[in-house]
Amino acid sequence: FKLDEVREALSEIGVTGLTVTEVKGFGRQ
């Protein structure tokens, strides 16, 4: 659910391209 916010933040600093992949995983949780 944070994808759009991150994409907008990167766009604001001039990052013009990115690749997004849906993944599954876990860390400490």
PDB file of all heavy atoms in Angstrom:
ATOM      1  N   PHE A   1       0.812  -1.219   0.000  1.00  0.00           N
ATOM      2  CA  PHE A   1       0.000   0.000   0.000  1.00  0.00           C
ATOM      3  C   PHE A   1       0.849   1.274   0.000  1.00  0.00           C
ATOM      4  O   PHE A   1       0.317   2.369  -0.166  1.00  0.00           O
ATOM      5  CB  PHE A   1      -0.989   0.005   1.172  1.00  0.00           C
ATOM      6  CG  PHE A   1      -0.354   0.084   2.535  1.00  0.00           C
ATOM      7  CD1 PHE A   1      -0.087   1.312   3.111  1.00  0.00           C
ATOM      8  CD2 PHE A   1      -0.054  -1.078   3.237  1.00  0.00           C
ATOM      9  CE1 PHE A   1       0.489   1.387   4.373  1.00  0.00           C
ATOM     10  CE2 PHE A   1       0.519  -1.011   4.497  1.00  0.00           C
ATOM     11  CZ  PHE A   1       0.791   0.229   5.068  1.00  0.00           C
ATOM     12  N   LYS A   2       2.163   1.148   0.134  1.00  0.00           N
ATOM     13  CA  LYS A   2       3.054   2.304   0.098  1.00  0.00           C
ATOM     14  C   LYS A   2       3.640   2.558  -1.292  1.00  0.00           C
ATOM     15  O   LYS A   2       4.386   3.512  -1.493  1.00  0.00           O
ATOM     16  CB  LYS A   2       4.201   2.107   1.100  1.00  0.00           C
ATOM     17  CG  LYS A   2       3.774   2.256   2.546  1.00  0.00           C
ATOM     18  CD  LYS A   2       3.398   3.702   2.787  1.00  0.00           C
ATOM     19  CE  LYS A   2       3.303   4.049   4.236  1.00  0.00           C
ATOM     20  NZ  LYS A   2       3.121   5.502   4.404  1.00  0.00           N
ATOM     21  N   LEU A   3       3.304   1.718  -2.265  1.00  0.00           N
ATOM     22  CA  LEU A   3       3.901   1.826  -3.601  1.00  0.00           C
ATOM     23  C   LEU A   3       3.681   3.188  -4.243  1.00  0.00           C
ATOM     24  O   LEU A   3       4.615   3.804  -4.751  1.00  0.00           O
ATOM     25  CB  LEU A   3       3.373   0.714  -4.509  1.00  0.00           C
ATOM     26  CG  LEU A   3       3.854   0.773  -5.960  1.00  0.00           C
ATOM     27  CD1 LEU A   3       5.372   0.686  -6.040  1.00  0.00           C
ATOM     28  CD2 LEU A   3       3.201  -0.324  -6.779  1.00  0.00           C
ATOM     29  N   ASP A   4       2.456   3.690  -4.253  1.00  0.00           N
ATOM     30  CA  ASP A   4       2.180   4.968  -4.913  1.00  0.00           C
ATOM     31  C   ASP A   4       2.948   6.114  -4.266  1.00  0.00           C
ATOM     32  O   ASP A   4       3.478   6.985  -4.962  1.00  0.00           O
ATOM     33  CB  ASP A   4       0.683   5.268  -4.912  1.00  0.00           C
ATOM     34  CG  ASP A   4      -0.072   4.418  -5.909  1.00  0.00           C
ATOM     35  OD1 ASP A   4       0.540   3.954  -6.890  1.00  0.00           O
ATOM     36  OD2 ASP A   4      -1.290   4.204  -5.707  1.00  0.00           O
ATOM     37  N   GLU A   5       3.033   6.112  -2.940  1.00  0.00           N
ATOM     38  CA  GLU A   5       3.762   7.170  -2.247  1.00  0.00           C
ATOM     39  C   GLU A   5       5.253   7.130  -2.592  1.00  0.00           C
ATOM     40  O   GLU A   5       5.881   8.170  -2.805  1.00  0.00           O
ATOM     41  CB  GLU A   5       3.582   7.036  -0.733  1.00  0.00           C
ATOM     42  CG  GLU A   5       2.179   7.345  -0.262  1.00  0.00           C
ATOM     43  CD  GLU A   5       2.019   7.090   1.221  1.00  0.00           C
ATOM     44  OE1 GLU A   5       2.839   7.616   2.010  1.00  0.00           O
ATOM     45  OE2 GLU A   5       1.075   6.370   1.594  1.00  0.00           O
ATOM     46  N   VAL A   6       5.821   5.931  -2.659  1.00  0.00           N
ATOM     47  CA  VAL A   6       7.237   5.790  -2.992  1.00  0.00           C
ATOM     48  C   VAL A   6       7.479   6.213  -4.439  1.00  0.00           C
ATOM     49  O   VAL A   6       8.439   6.926  -4.742  1.00  0.00           O
ATOM     50  CB  VAL A   6       7.726   4.347  -2.732  1.00  0.00           C
ATOM     51  CG1 VAL A   6       9.123   4.136  -3.284  1.00  0.00           C
ATOM     52  CG2 VAL A   6       7.681   4.038  -1.245  1.00  0.00           C
ATOM     53  N   ARG A   7       6.603   5.805  -5.341  1.00  0.00           N
ATOM     54  CA  ARG A   7       6.754   6.183  -6.747  1.00  0.00           C
ATOM     55  C   ARG A   7       6.720   7.698  -6.910  1.00  0.00           C
ATOM     56  O   ARG A   7       7.533   8.279  -7.623  1.00  0.00           O
ATOM     57  CB  ARG A   7       5.651   5.536  -7.591  1.00  0.00           C
ATOM     58  CG  ARG A   7       5.789   5.821  -9.086  1.00  0.00           C
ATOM     59  CD  ARG A   7       4.603   5.315  -9.884  1.00  0.00           C
ATOM     60  NE  ARG A   7       3.319   5.784  -9.382  1.00  0.00           N
ATOM     61  CZ  ARG A   7       2.818   7.008  -9.590  1.00  0.00           C
ATOM     62  NH1 ARG A   7       3.496   7.886 -10.290  1.00  0.00           N
ATOM     63  NH2 ARG A   7       1.644   7.340  -9.099  1.00  0.00           N
ATOM     64  N   GLU A   8       5.786   8.349  -6.217  1.00  0.00           N
ATOM     65  CA  GLU A   8       5.691   9.810  -6.295  1.00  0.00           C
ATOM     66  C   GLU A   8       6.927  10.481  -5.708  1.00  0.00           C
ATOM     67  O   GLU A   8       7.442  11.456  -6.266  1.00  0.00           O
ATOM     68  CB  GLU A   8       4.433  10.296  -5.565  1.00  0.00           C
ATOM     69  CG  GLU A   8       3.149   9.951  -6.309  1.00  0.00           C
ATOM     70  CD  GLU A   8       1.901  10.258  -5.496  1.00  0.00           C
ATOM     71  OE1 GLU A   8       1.999  10.979  -4.475  1.00  0.00           O
ATOM     72  OE2 GLU A   8       0.827   9.768  -5.881  1.00  0.00           O
ATOM     73  N   ALA A   9       7.433   9.960  -4.591  1.00  0.00           N
ATOM     74  CA  ALA A   9       8.626  10.536  -3.965  1.00  0.00           C
ATOM     75  C   ALA A   9       9.839  10.409  -4.881  1.00  0.00           C
ATOM     76  O   ALA A   9      10.636  11.343  -5.000  1.00  0.00           O
ATOM     77  CB  ALA A   9       8.889   9.855  -2.629  1.00  0.00           C
ATOM     78  N   LEU A  10       9.975   9.271  -5.550  1.00  0.00           N
ATOM     79  CA  LEU A  10      11.088   9.083  -6.478  1.00  0.00           C
ATOM     80  C   LEU A  10      10.944   9.980  -7.701  1.00  0.00           C
ATOM     81  O   LEU A  10      11.914  10.531  -8.197  1.00  0.00           O
ATOM     82  CB  LEU A  10      11.192   7.613  -6.892  1.00  0.00           C
ATOM     83  CG  LEU A  10      11.681   6.667  -5.798  1.00  0.00           C
ATOM     84  CD1 LEU A  10      11.520   5.218  -6.238  1.00  0.00           C
ATOM     85  CD2 LEU A  10      13.121   6.967  -5.419  1.00  0.00           C
ATOM     86  N   SER A  11       9.724  10.136  -8.173  1.00  0.00           N
ATOM     87  CA  SER A  11       9.472  11.008  -9.318  1.00  0.00           C
ATOM     88  C   SER A  11       9.849  12.457  -8.992  1.00  0.00           C
ATOM     89  O   SER A  11      10.415  13.163  -9.830  1.00  0.00           O
ATOM     90  CB  SER A  11       8.004  10.914  -9.719  1.00  0.00           C
ATOM     91  OG  SER A  11       7.729  11.750 -10.804  1.00  0.00           O
ATOM     92  N   GLU A  12       9.561  12.885  -7.771  1.00  0.00           N
ATOM     93  CA  GLU A  12       9.867  14.259  -7.365  1.00  0.00           C
ATOM     94  C   GLU A  12      11.369  14.551  -7.356  1.00  0.00           C
ATOM     95  O   GLU A  12      11.773  15.698  -7.556  1.00  0.00           O
ATOM     96  CB  GLU A  12       9.284  14.540  -5.974  1.00  0.00           C
ATOM     97  CG  GLU A  12       7.780  14.707  -5.981  1.00  0.00           C
ATOM     98  CD  GLU A  12       7.198  14.863  -4.583  1.00  0.00           C
ATOM     99  OE1 GLU A  12       7.980  15.012  -3.610  1.00  0.00           O
ATOM    100  OE2 GLU A  12       5.961  14.823  -4.470  1.00  0.00           O
ATOM    101  N   ILE A  13      12.191  13.528  -7.138  1.00  0.00           N
ATOM    102  CA  ILE A  13      13.643  13.762  -7.136  1.00  0.00           C
ATOM    103  C   ILE A  13      14.279  13.462  -8.493  1.00  0.00           C
ATOM    104  O   ILE A  13      15.489  13.478  -8.626  1.00  0.00           O
ATOM    105  CB  ILE A  13      14.351  12.958  -6.022  1.00  0.00           C
ATOM    106  CG1 ILE A  13      14.214  11.453  -6.238  1.00  0.00           C
ATOM    107  CG2 ILE A  13      13.850  13.381  -4.656  1.00  0.00           C
ATOM    108  CD1 ILE A  13      15.163  10.628  -5.409  1.00  0.00           C
ATOM    109  N   GLY A  14      13.451  13.143  -9.490  1.00  0.00           N
ATOM    110  CA  GLY A  14      13.962  12.984 -10.847  1.00  0.00           C
ATOM    111  C   GLY A  14      14.221  11.563 -11.302  1.00  0.00           C
ATOM    112  O   GLY A  14      14.812  11.367 -12.362  1.00  0.00           O
ATOM    113  N   VAL A  15      13.788  10.576 -10.543  1.00  0.00           N
ATOM    114  CA  VAL A  15      13.930   9.183 -10.981  1.00  0.00           C
ATOM    115  C   VAL A  15      12.842   8.935 -12.022  1.00  0.00           C
ATOM    116  O   VAL A  15      11.653   9.039 -11.732  1.00  0.00           O
ATOM    117  CB  VAL A  15      13.796   8.194  -9.801  1.00  0.00           C
ATOM    118  CG1 VAL A  15      13.793   6.761 -10.293  1.00  0.00           C
ATOM    119  CG2 VAL A  15      14.920   8.417  -8.807  1.00  0.00           C
ATOM    120  N   THR A  16      13.266   8.610 -13.248  1.00  0.00           N
ATOM    121  CA  THR A  16      12.305   8.534 -14.354  1.00  0.00           C
ATOM    122  C   THR A  16      11.817   7.122 -14.650  1.00  0.00           C
ATOM    123  O   THR A  16      10.824   6.962 -15.338  1.00  0.00           O
ATOM    124  CB  THR A  16      12.925   9.112 -15.638  1.00  0.00           C
ATOM    125  OG1 THR A  16      14.134   8.406 -15.913  1.00  0.00           O
ATOM    126  CG2 THR A  16      13.214  10.592 -15.482  1.00  0.00           C
ATOM    127  N   GLY A  17      12.501   6.117 -14.171  1.00  0.00           N
ATOM    128  CA  GLY A  17      12.066   4.762 -14.475  1.00  0.00           C
ATOM    129  C   GLY A  17      12.277   3.842 -13.300  1.00  0.00           C
ATOM    130  O   GLY A  17      13.213   4.022 -12.515  1.00  0.00           O
ATOM    131  N   LEU A  18      11.394   2.891 -13.161  1.00  0.00           N
ATOM    132  CA  LEU A  18      11.547   1.895 -12.108  1.00  0.00           C
ATOM    133  C   LEU A  18      10.837   0.624 -12.516  1.00  0.00           C
ATOM    134  O   LEU A  18       9.975   0.623 -13.379  1.00  0.00           O
ATOM    135  CB  LEU A  18      11.041   2.407 -10.757  1.00  0.00           C
ATOM    136  CG  LEU A  18       9.598   2.904 -10.637  1.00  0.00           C
ATOM    137  CD1 LEU A  18       8.687   1.784 -10.178  1.00  0.00           C
ATOM    138  CD2 LEU A  18       9.554   4.017  -9.622  1.00  0.00           C
ATOM    139  N   THR A  19      11.220  -0.458 -11.877  1.00  0.00           N
ATOM    140  CA  THR A  19      10.591  -1.754 -12.106  1.00  0.00           C
ATOM    141  C   THR A  19       9.947  -2.187 -10.802  1.00  0.00           C
ATOM    142  O   THR A  19      10.554  -2.073  -9.739  1.00  0.00           O
ATOM    143  CB  THR A  19      11.638  -2.806 -12.535  1.00  0.00           C
ATOM    144  OG1 THR A  19      12.262  -2.350 -13.732  1.00  0.00           O
ATOM    145  CG2 THR A  19      10.993  -4.153 -12.781  1.00  0.00           C
ATOM    146  N   VAL A  20       8.722  -2.672 -10.877  1.00  0.00           N
ATOM    147  CA  VAL A  20       7.982  -3.108  -9.699  1.00  0.00           C
ATOM    148  C   VAL A  20       7.593  -4.568  -9.872  1.00  0.00           C
ATOM    149  O   VAL A  20       7.088  -4.964 -10.921  1.00  0.00           O
ATOM    150  CB  VAL A  20       6.714  -2.250  -9.500  1.00  0.00           C
ATOM    151  CG1 VAL A  20       5.893  -2.761  -8.321  1.00  0.00           C
ATOM    152  CG2 VAL A  20       7.080  -0.790  -9.302  1.00  0.00           C
ATOM    153  N   THR A  21       7.843  -5.349  -8.830  1.00  0.00           N
ATOM    154  CA  THR A  21       7.494  -6.765  -8.836  1.00  0.00           C
ATOM    155  C   THR A  21       6.737  -7.087  -7.560  1.00  0.00           C
ATOM    156  O   THR A  21       7.137  -6.654  -6.476  1.00  0.00           O
ATOM    157  CB  THR A  21       8.776  -7.641  -8.875  1.00  0.00           C
ATOM    158  OG1 THR A  21       9.628  -7.186  -9.918  1.00  0.00           O
ATOM    159  CG2 THR A  21       8.438  -9.096  -9.089  1.00  0.00           C
ATOM    160  N   GLU A  22       5.642  -7.838  -7.693  1.00  0.00           N
ATOM    161  CA  GLU A  22       4.942  -8.317  -6.503  1.00  0.00           C
ATOM    162  C   GLU A  22       5.682  -9.546  -5.998  1.00  0.00           C
ATOM    163  O   GLU A  22       5.907 -10.493  -6.747  1.00  0.00           O
ATOM    164  CB  GLU A  22       3.496  -8.665  -6.841  1.00  0.00           C
ATOM    165  CG  GLU A  22       2.652  -7.457  -7.173  1.00  0.00           C
ATOM    166  CD  GLU A  22       1.209  -7.804  -7.469  1.00  0.00           C
ATOM    167  OE1 GLU A  22       0.788  -8.948  -7.207  1.00  0.00           O
ATOM    168  OE2 GLU A  22       0.499  -6.920  -7.963  1.00  0.00           O
ATOM    169  N   VAL A  23       6.075  -9.508  -4.722  1.00  0.00           N
ATOM    170  CA  VAL A  23       6.837 -10.607  -4.129  1.00  0.00           C
ATOM    171  C   VAL A  23       6.201 -11.000  -2.800  1.00  0.00           C
ATOM    172  O   VAL A  23       5.317 -10.320  -2.296  1.00  0.00           O
ATOM    173  CB  VAL A  23       8.322 -10.214  -3.917  1.00  0.00           C
ATOM    174  CG1 VAL A  23       9.012  -9.962  -5.248  1.00  0.00           C
ATOM    175  CG2 VAL A  23       8.452  -9.009  -3.008  1.00  0.00           C
ATOM    176  N   LYS A  24       6.666 -12.109  -2.249  1.00  0.00           N
ATOM    177  CA  LYS A  24       6.226 -12.536  -0.922  1.00  0.00           C
ATOM    178  C   LYS A  24       7.463 -12.846  -0.101  1.00  0.00           C
ATOM    179  O   LYS A  24       8.463 -13.311  -0.631  1.00  0.00           O
ATOM    180  CB  LYS A  24       5.348 -13.787  -1.008  1.00  0.00           C
ATOM    181  CG  LYS A  24       4.008 -13.527  -1.642  1.00  0.00           C
ATOM    182  CD  LYS A  24       3.155 -14.769  -1.612  1.00  0.00           C
ATOM    183  CE  LYS A  24       1.807 -14.461  -2.226  1.00  0.00           C
ATOM    184  NZ  LYS A  24       0.878 -15.558  -2.046  1.00  0.00           N
ATOM    185  N   GLY A  25       7.377 -12.600   1.185  1.00  0.00           N
ATOM    186  CA  GLY A  25       8.515 -12.903   2.037  1.00  0.00           C
ATOM    187  C   GLY A  25       8.216 -12.575   3.480  1.00  0.00           C
ATOM    188  O   GLY A  25       7.108 -12.182   3.834  1.00  0.00           O
ATOM    189  N   PHE A  26       9.225 -12.748   4.313  1.00  0.00           N
ATOM    190  CA  PHE A  26       9.104 -12.369   5.709  1.00  0.00           C
ATOM    191  C   PHE A  26      10.478 -12.070   6.270  1.00  0.00           C
ATOM    192  O   PHE A  26      11.485 -12.523   5.755  1.00  0.00           O
ATOM    193  CB  PHE A  26       8.404 -13.451   6.542  1.00  0.00           C
ATOM    194  CG  PHE A  26       9.203 -14.715   6.686  1.00  0.00           C
ATOM    195  CD1 PHE A  26      10.089 -14.877   7.737  1.00  0.00           C
ATOM    196  CD2 PHE A  26       9.056 -15.743   5.764  1.00  0.00           C
ATOM    197  CE1 PHE A  26      10.827 -16.045   7.871  1.00  0.00           C
ATOM    198  CE2 PHE A  26       9.778 -16.909   5.887  1.00  0.00           C
ATOM    199  CZ  PHE A  26      10.672 -17.063   6.939  1.00  0.00           C
ATOM    200  N   GLY A  27      10.482 -11.279   7.307  1.00  0.00           N
ATOM    201  CA  GLY A  27      11.709 -10.963   8.024  1.00  0.00           C
ATOM    202  C   GLY A  27      11.518 -11.339   9.469  1.00  0.00           C
ATOM    203  O   GLY A  27      11.121 -12.452   9.783  1.00  0.00           O
ATOM    204  N   ARG A  28      11.713 -10.388  10.333  1.00  0.00           N
ATOM    205  CA  ARG A  28      11.588 -10.654  11.763  1.00  0.00           C
ATOM    206  C   ARG A  28      10.165 -10.988  12.185  1.00  0.00           C
ATOM    207  O   ARG A  28       9.952 -11.667  13.169  1.00  0.00           O
ATOM    208  CB  ARG A  28      12.075  -9.451  12.567  1.00  0.00           C
ATOM    209  CG  ARG A  28      13.560  -9.312  12.498  1.00  0.00           C
ATOM    210  CD  ARG A  28      14.027  -8.232  13.437  1.00  0.00           C
ATOM    211  NE  ARG A  28      15.470  -8.120  13.351  1.00  0.00           N
ATOM    212  CZ  ARG A  28      16.127  -7.036  13.653  1.00  0.00           C
ATOM    213  NH1 ARG A  28      15.494  -5.973  14.069  1.00  0.00           N
ATOM    214  NH2 ARG A  28      17.441  -7.013  13.541  1.00  0.00           N
ATOM    215  N   GLN A  29       9.165 -10.490  11.419  1.00  0.00           N
ATOM    216  CA  GLN A  29       7.791 -10.749  11.851  1.00  0.00           C
ATOM    217  C   GLN A  29       7.378 -12.197  11.631  1.00  0.00           C
ATOM    218  O   GLN A  29       6.409 -12.655  12.203  1.00  0.00           O
ATOM    219  CB  GLN A  29       6.814  -9.791  11.173  1.00  0.00           C
ATOM    220  CG  GLN A  29       6.496 -10.150   9.737  1.00  0.00           C
ATOM    221  CD  GLN A  29       7.094  -9.203   8.739  1.00  0.00           C
ATOM    222  OE1 GLN A  29       8.237  -8.809   8.832  1.00  0.00           O
ATOM    223  NE2 GLN A  29       6.327  -8.827   7.749  1.00  0.00           N
TER     224      GLN A  29
END
